[in-house]
Amino acid sequence: MLHKKPKMYGVSTLGERGQIVVPAKLREEMKLEKGDNFVFVSKGHFIGMIREDDMTGMLKEMLGQIEDFKKE
């Protein structure tokens, strides 16, 4: 798998109600839409987010691969 260089899209401030604005360019490139659900993960001070549907698909794929390894 090829690793792409990380991109920076700007800075956002955590609001009073715990909301963060995702920069417009990132929303456009990732095709993020109002109502999308996200899973948040963290490790140390790193925080990441992934669309819930993408996370579900990734986990199903990984479980399938584990089952294939078990059969071998």
PDB file of N, CA and C in Angstrom:
ATOM      1  N   MET A   1       0.842  -1.176   0.000  1.00  0.00           N
ATOM      2  CA  MET A   1       0.000   0.000   0.000  1.00  0.00           C
ATOM      3  C   MET A   1       0.891   1.244   0.000  1.00  0.00           C
ATOM      4  N   LEU A   2       0.573   2.177  -0.852  1.00  0.00           N
ATOM      5  CA  LEU A   2       1.340   3.410  -0.918  1.00  0.00           C
ATOM      6  C   LEU A   2       0.851   4.382   0.143  1.00  0.00           C
ATOM      7  N   HIS A   3       1.792   5.017   0.803  1.00  0.00           N
ATOM      8  CA  HIS A   3       1.426   6.009   1.815  1.00  0.00           C
ATOM      9  C   HIS A   3       1.532   7.388   1.201  1.00  0.00           C
ATOM     10  N   LYS A   4       0.486   8.160   1.345  1.00  0.00           N
ATOM     11  CA  LYS A   4       0.486   9.527   0.845  1.00  0.00           C
ATOM     12  C   LYS A   4       0.983  10.448   1.937  1.00  0.00           C
ATOM     13  N   LYS A   5       1.571  11.561   1.497  1.00  0.00           N
ATOM     14  CA  LYS A   5       1.996  12.579   2.455  1.00  0.00           C
ATOM     15  C   LYS A   5       0.776  13.151   3.149  1.00  0.00           C
ATOM     16  N   PRO A   6       0.874  13.402   4.445  1.00  0.00           N
ATOM     17  CA  PRO A   6      -0.257  14.041   5.124  1.00  0.00           C
ATOM     18  C   PRO A   6      -0.508  15.432   4.547  1.00  0.00           C
ATOM     19  N   LYS A   7      -1.763  15.836   4.508  1.00  0.00           N
ATOM     20  CA  LYS A   7      -2.129  17.172   4.048  1.00  0.00           C
ATOM     21  C   LYS A   7      -2.663  17.960   5.234  1.00  0.00           C
ATOM     22  N   MET A   8      -2.396  19.249   5.231  1.00  0.00           N
ATOM     23  CA  MET A   8      -2.968  20.132   6.242  1.00  0.00           C
ATOM     24  C   MET A   8      -4.044  20.965   5.569  1.00  0.00           C
ATOM     25  N   TYR A   9      -5.157  21.130   6.269  1.00  0.00           N
ATOM     26  CA  TYR A   9      -6.295  21.841   5.703  1.00  0.00           C
ATOM     27  C   TYR A   9      -6.646  23.108   6.460  1.00  0.00           C
ATOM     28  N   GLY A  10      -5.974  23.373   7.561  1.00  0.00           N
ATOM     29  CA  GLY A  10      -6.281  24.575   8.317  1.00  0.00           C
ATOM     30  C   GLY A  10      -6.400  24.261   9.798  1.00  0.00           C
ATOM     31  N   VAL A  11      -6.859  25.230  10.532  1.00  0.00           N
ATOM     32  CA  VAL A  11      -6.999  25.128  11.981  1.00  0.00           C
ATOM     33  C   VAL A  11      -8.459  25.380  12.331  1.00  0.00           C
ATOM     34  N   SER A  12      -8.959  24.640  13.314  1.00  0.00           N
ATOM     35  CA  SER A  12     -10.333  24.816  13.765  1.00  0.00           C
ATOM     36  C   SER A  12     -10.321  24.909  15.286  1.00  0.00           C
ATOM     37  N   THR A  13     -11.270  25.629  15.851  1.00  0.00           N
ATOM     38  CA  THR A  13     -11.355  25.829  17.297  1.00  0.00           C
ATOM     39  C   THR A  13     -12.534  25.051  17.856  1.00  0.00           C
ATOM     40  N   LEU A  14     -12.331  24.398  18.982  1.00  0.00           N
ATOM     41  CA  LEU A  14     -13.408  23.696  19.668  1.00  0.00           C
ATOM     42  C   LEU A  14     -14.339  24.731  20.271  1.00  0.00           C
ATOM     43  N   GLY A  15     -15.619  24.691  19.892  1.00  0.00           N
ATOM     44  CA  GLY A  15     -16.588  25.666  20.372  1.00  0.00           C
ATOM     45  C   GLY A  15     -17.129  25.326  21.749  1.00  0.00           C
ATOM     46  N   GLU A  16     -17.945  26.218  22.282  1.00  0.00           N
ATOM     47  CA  GLU A  16     -18.533  26.057  23.615  1.00  0.00           C
ATOM     48  C   GLU A  16     -19.303  24.755  23.754  1.00  0.00           C
ATOM     49  N   ARG A  17     -19.969  24.320  22.700  1.00  0.00           N
ATOM     50  CA  ARG A  17     -20.786  23.107  22.749  1.00  0.00           C
ATOM     51  C   ARG A  17     -20.016  21.877  22.276  1.00  0.00           C
ATOM     52  N   GLY A  18     -18.680  21.975  22.182  1.00  0.00           N
ATOM     53  CA  GLY A  18     -17.861  20.835  21.792  1.00  0.00           C
ATOM     54  C   GLY A  18     -17.825  20.573  20.300  1.00  0.00           C
ATOM     55  N   GLN A  19     -18.226  21.533  19.498  1.00  0.00           N
ATOM     56  CA  GLN A  19     -18.263  21.352  18.052  1.00  0.00           C
ATOM     57  C   GLN A  19     -16.990  21.869  17.400  1.00  0.00           C
ATOM     58  N   ILE A  20     -16.590  21.176  16.337  1.00  0.00           N
ATOM     59  CA  ILE A  20     -15.431  21.572  15.532  1.00  0.00           C
ATOM     60  C   ILE A  20     -15.891  21.686  14.088  1.00  0.00           C
ATOM     61  N   VAL A  21     -15.476  22.734  13.408  1.00  0.00           N
ATOM     62  CA  VAL A  21     -15.809  22.910  11.999  1.00  0.00           C
ATOM     63  C   VAL A  21     -14.741  22.213  11.167  1.00  0.00           C
ATOM     64  N   VAL A  22     -15.181  21.341  10.255  1.00  0.00           N
ATOM     65  CA  VAL A  22     -14.256  20.673   9.332  1.00  0.00           C
ATOM     66  C   VAL A  22     -14.020  21.641   8.175  1.00  0.00           C
ATOM     67  N   PRO A  23     -12.761  21.970   7.882  1.00  0.00           N
ATOM     68  CA  PRO A  23     -12.477  22.933   6.817  1.00  0.00           C
ATOM     69  C   PRO A  23     -13.146  22.556   5.486  1.00  0.00           C
ATOM     70  N   ALA A  24     -13.639  23.563   4.768  1.00  0.00           N
ATOM     71  CA  ALA A  24     -14.398  23.366   3.532  1.00  0.00           C
ATOM     72  C   ALA A  24     -13.640  22.525   2.512  1.00  0.00           C
ATOM     73  N   LYS A  25     -12.355  22.793   2.315  1.00  0.00           N
ATOM     74  CA  LYS A  25     -11.587  22.049   1.306  1.00  0.00           C
ATOM     75  C   LYS A  25     -11.533  20.556   1.647  1.00  0.00           C
ATOM     76  N   LEU A  26     -11.382  20.240   2.933  1.00  0.00           N
ATOM     77  CA  LEU A  26     -11.370  18.842   3.364  1.00  0.00           C
ATOM     78  C   LEU A  26     -12.748  18.206   3.153  1.00  0.00           C
ATOM     79  N   ARG A  27     -13.816  18.937   3.498  1.00  0.00           N
ATOM     80  CA  ARG A  27     -15.180  18.429   3.280  1.00  0.00           C
ATOM     81  C   ARG A  27     -15.402  18.119   1.803  1.00  0.00           C
ATOM     82  N   GLU A  28     -14.920  19.010   0.944  1.00  0.00           N
ATOM     83  CA  GLU A  28     -15.086  18.810  -0.504  1.00  0.00           C
ATOM     84  C   GLU A  28     -14.303  17.600  -0.986  1.00  0.00           C
ATOM     85  N   GLU A  29     -13.013  17.525  -0.621  1.00  0.00           N
ATOM     86  CA  GLU A  29     -12.156  16.422  -1.085  1.00  0.00           C
ATOM     87  C   GLU A  29     -12.646  15.065  -0.586  1.00  0.00           C
ATOM     88  N   MET A  30     -13.156  15.022   0.645  1.00  0.00           N
ATOM     89  CA  MET A  30     -13.612  13.770   1.242  1.00  0.00           C
ATOM     90  C   MET A  30     -15.094  13.509   0.976  1.00  0.00           C
ATOM     91  N   LYS A  31     -15.748  14.457   0.284  1.00  0.00           N
ATOM     92  CA  LYS A  31     -17.175  14.359  -0.019  1.00  0.00           C
ATOM     93  C   LYS A  31     -18.001  14.145   1.257  1.00  0.00           C
ATOM     94  N   LEU A  32     -17.669  14.917   2.295  1.00  0.00           N
ATOM     95  CA  LEU A  32     -18.397  14.855   3.553  1.00  0.00           C
ATOM     96  C   LEU A  32     -19.691  15.639   3.398  1.00  0.00           C
ATOM     97  N   GLU A  33     -20.759  15.087   3.949  1.00  0.00           N
ATOM     98  CA  GLU A  33     -22.067  15.728   3.818  1.00  0.00           C
ATOM     99  C   GLU A  33     -22.750  15.859   5.171  1.00  0.00           C
ATOM    100  N   LYS A  34     -23.638  16.822   5.261  1.00  0.00           N
ATOM    101  CA  LYS A  34     -24.437  17.014   6.461  1.00  0.00           C
ATOM    102  C   LYS A  34     -25.131  15.693   6.796  1.00  0.00           C
ATOM    103  N   GLY A  35     -25.076  15.298   8.053  1.00  0.00           N
ATOM    104  CA  GLY A  35     -25.721  14.063   8.485  1.00  0.00           C
ATOM    105  C   GLY A  35     -24.814  12.844   8.482  1.00  0.00           C
ATOM    106  N   ASP A  36     -23.595  12.954   7.905  1.00  0.00           N
ATOM    107  CA  ASP A  36     -22.651  11.837   7.960  1.00  0.00           C
ATOM    108  C   ASP A  36     -22.322  11.542   9.429  1.00  0.00           C
ATOM    109  N   ASN A  37     -22.223  10.260   9.764  1.00  0.00           N
ATOM    110  CA  ASN A  37     -21.845   9.849  11.119  1.00  0.00           C
ATOM    111  C   ASN A  37     -20.388   9.414  11.123  1.00  0.00           C
ATOM    112  N   PHE A  38     -19.688   9.711  12.227  1.00  0.00           N
ATOM    113  CA  PHE A  38     -18.272   9.416  12.320  1.00  0.00           C
ATOM    114  C   PHE A  38     -17.935   8.659  13.596  1.00  0.00           C
ATOM    115  N   VAL A  39     -16.899   7.831  13.501  1.00  0.00           N
ATOM    116  CA  VAL A  39     -16.314   7.168  14.656  1.00  0.00           C
ATOM    117  C   VAL A  39     -15.022   7.932  14.955  1.00  0.00           C
ATOM    118  N   PHE A  40     -14.820   8.278  16.225  1.00  0.00           N
ATOM    119  CA  PHE A  40     -13.606   8.982  16.627  1.00  0.00           C
ATOM    120  C   PHE A  40     -12.690   8.011  17.351  1.00  0.00           C
ATOM    121  N   VAL A  41     -11.401   8.067  17.022  1.00  0.00           N
ATOM    122  CA  VAL A  41     -10.393   7.229  17.667  1.00  0.00           C
ATOM    123  C   VAL A  41      -9.264   8.130  18.151  1.00  0.00           C
ATOM    124  N   SER A  42      -8.568   7.666  19.170  1.00  0.00           N
ATOM    125  CA  SER A  42      -7.437   8.459  19.652  1.00  0.00           C
ATOM    126  C   SER A  42      -6.316   7.548  20.105  1.00  0.00           C
ATOM    127  N   LYS A  43      -5.125   8.075  20.047  1.00  0.00           N
ATOM    128  CA  LYS A  43      -3.934   7.428  20.583  1.00  0.00           C
ATOM    129  C   LYS A  43      -3.024   8.560  21.032  1.00  0.00           C
ATOM    130  N   GLY A  44      -2.796   8.619  22.331  1.00  0.00           N
ATOM    131  CA  GLY A  44      -2.041   9.751  22.846  1.00  0.00           C
ATOM    132  C   GLY A  44      -2.793  11.030  22.542  1.00  0.00           C
ATOM    133  N   HIS A  45      -2.110  11.979  21.928  1.00  0.00           N
ATOM    134  CA  HIS A  45      -2.749  13.247  21.584  1.00  0.00           C
ATOM    135  C   HIS A  45      -3.291  13.270  20.158  1.00  0.00           C
ATOM    136  N   PHE A  46      -3.183  12.146  19.450  1.00  0.00           N
ATOM    137  CA  PHE A  46      -3.721  12.060  18.091  1.00  0.00           C
ATOM    138  C   PHE A  46      -5.206  11.740  18.165  1.00  0.00           C
ATOM    139  N   ILE A  47      -6.027  12.450  17.402  1.00  0.00           N
ATOM    140  CA  ILE A  47      -7.453  12.179  17.284  1.00  0.00           C
ATOM    141  C   ILE A  47      -7.751  12.000  15.796  1.00  0.00           C
ATOM    142  N   GLY A  48      -8.408  10.919  15.468  1.00  0.00           N
ATOM    143  CA  GLY A  48      -8.793  10.674  14.088  1.00  0.00           C
ATOM    144  C   GLY A  48     -10.284  10.424  13.995  1.00  0.00           C
ATOM    145  N   MET A  49     -10.820  10.581  12.810  1.00  0.00           N
ATOM    146  CA  MET A  49     -12.236  10.299  12.598  1.00  0.00           C
ATOM    147  C   MET A  49     -12.396   9.572  11.275  1.00  0.00           C
ATOM    148  N   ILE A  50     -13.364   8.655  11.242  1.00  0.00           N
ATOM    149  CA  ILE A  50     -13.647   7.891  10.034  1.00  0.00           C
ATOM    150  C   ILE A  50     -15.162   7.764   9.925  1.00  0.00           C
ATOM    151  N   ARG A  51     -15.672   7.838   8.708  1.00  0.00           N
ATOM    152  CA  ARG A  51     -17.110   7.675   8.522  1.00  0.00           C
ATOM    153  C   ARG A  51     -17.540   6.329   9.097  1.00  0.00           C
ATOM    154  N   GLU A  52     -18.670   6.334   9.755  1.00  0.00           N
ATOM    155  CA  GLU A  52     -19.181   5.110  10.381  1.00  0.00           C
ATOM    156  C   GLU A  52     -19.327   3.981   9.358  1.00  0.00           C
ATOM    157  N   ASP A  53     -19.871   4.275   8.179  1.00  0.00           N
ATOM    158  CA  ASP A  53     -20.043   3.254   7.143  1.00  0.00           C
ATOM    159  C   ASP A  53     -18.701   2.692   6.683  1.00  0.00           C
ATOM    160  N   ASP A  54     -17.699   3.566   6.546  1.00  0.00           N
ATOM    161  CA  ASP A  54     -16.372   3.110   6.134  1.00  0.00           C
ATOM    162  C   ASP A  54     -15.742   2.224   7.205  1.00  0.00           C
ATOM    163  N   MET A  55     -15.933   2.586   8.475  1.00  0.00           N
ATOM    164  CA  MET A  55     -15.390   1.796   9.570  1.00  0.00           C
ATOM    165  C   MET A  55     -16.051   0.419   9.599  1.00  0.00           C
ATOM    166  N   THR A  56     -17.367   0.394   9.444  1.00  0.00           N
ATOM    167  CA  THR A  56     -18.090  -0.876   9.434  1.00  0.00           C
ATOM    168  C   THR A  56     -17.602  -1.767   8.298  1.00  0.00           C
ATOM    169  N   GLY A  57     -17.453  -1.195   7.108  1.00  0.00           N
ATOM    170  CA  GLY A  57     -16.959  -1.958   5.961  1.00  0.00           C
ATOM    171  C   GLY A  57     -15.555  -2.486   6.181  1.00  0.00           C
ATOM    172  N   MET A  58     -14.699  -1.642   6.751  1.00  0.00           N
ATOM    173  CA  MET A  58     -13.318  -2.044   7.007  1.00  0.00           C
ATOM    174  C   MET A  58     -13.272  -3.198   8.011  1.00  0.00           C
ATOM    175  N   LEU A  59     -14.070  -3.108   9.071  1.00  0.00           N
ATOM    176  CA  LEU A  59     -14.089  -4.170  10.076  1.00  0.00           C
ATOM    177  C   LEU A  59     -14.628  -5.478   9.500  1.00  0.00           C
ATOM    178  N   LYS A  60     -15.676  -5.405   8.675  1.00  0.00           N
ATOM    179  CA  LYS A  60     -16.208  -6.615   8.036  1.00  0.00           C
ATOM    180  C   LYS A  60     -15.156  -7.263   7.143  1.00  0.00           C
ATOM    181  N   GLU A  61     -14.427  -6.434   6.403  1.00  0.00           N
ATOM    182  CA  GLU A  61     -13.373  -6.946   5.520  1.00  0.00           C
ATOM    183  C   GLU A  61     -12.271  -7.621   6.337  1.00  0.00           C
ATOM    184  N   MET A  62     -11.881  -6.997   7.437  1.00  0.00           N
ATOM    185  CA  MET A  62     -10.837  -7.569   8.285  1.00  0.00           C
ATOM    186  C   MET A  62     -11.292  -8.895   8.893  1.00  0.00           C
ATOM    187  N   LEU A  63     -12.550  -8.957   9.338  1.00  0.00           N
ATOM    188  CA  LEU A  63     -13.069 -10.209   9.889  1.00  0.00           C
ATOM    189  C   LEU A  63     -13.076 -11.311   8.834  1.00  0.00           C
ATOM    190  N   GLY A  64     -13.408 -10.961   7.606  1.00  0.00           N
ATOM    191  CA  GLY A  64     -13.368 -11.924   6.510  1.00  0.00           C
ATOM    192  C   GLY A  64     -11.961 -12.440   6.273  1.00  0.00           C
ATOM    193  N   GLN A  65     -10.991 -11.550   6.334  1.00  0.00           N
ATOM    194  CA  GLN A  65      -9.595 -11.961   6.142  1.00  0.00           C
ATOM    195  C   GLN A  65      -9.136 -12.883   7.266  1.00  0.00           C
ATOM    196  N   ILE A  66      -9.574 -12.596   8.493  1.00  0.00           N
ATOM    197  CA  ILE A  66      -9.213 -13.451   9.627  1.00  0.00           C
ATOM    198  C   ILE A  66      -9.804 -14.846   9.411  1.00  0.00           C
ATOM    199  N   GLU A  67     -11.051 -14.914   8.972  1.00  0.00           N
ATOM    200  CA  GLU A  67     -11.671 -16.213   8.707  1.00  0.00           C
ATOM    201  C   GLU A  67     -10.924 -16.962   7.614  1.00  0.00           C
ATOM    202  N   ASP A  68     -10.474 -16.258   6.576  1.00  0.00           N
ATOM    203  CA  ASP A  68      -9.694 -16.892   5.511  1.00  0.00           C
ATOM    204  C   ASP A  68      -8.385 -17.448   6.048  1.00  0.00           C
ATOM    205  N   PHE A  69      -7.712 -16.699   6.935  1.00  0.00           N
ATOM    206  CA  PHE A  69      -6.464 -17.185   7.526  1.00  0.00           C
ATOM    207  C   PHE A  69      -6.700 -18.445   8.356  1.00  0.00           C
ATOM    208  N   LYS A  70      -7.827 -18.481   9.053  1.00  0.00           N
ATOM    209  CA  LYS A  70      -8.150 -19.641   9.883  1.00  0.00           C
ATOM    210  C   LYS A  70      -8.337 -20.902   9.028  1.00  0.00           C
ATOM    211  N   LYS A  71      -8.869 -20.716   7.820  1.00  0.00           N
ATOM    212  CA  LYS A  71      -9.130 -21.851   6.917  1.00  0.00           C
ATOM    213  C   LYS A  71      -7.846 -22.402   6.327  1.00  0.00           C
ATOM    214  N   GLU A  72      -6.820 -21.597   6.253  1.00  0.00           N
ATOM    215  CA  GLU A  72      -5.552 -22.016   5.620  1.00  0.00           C
ATOM    216  C   GLU A  72      -4.773 -22.977   6.484  1.00  0.00           C
TER     217      GLU A  72
END
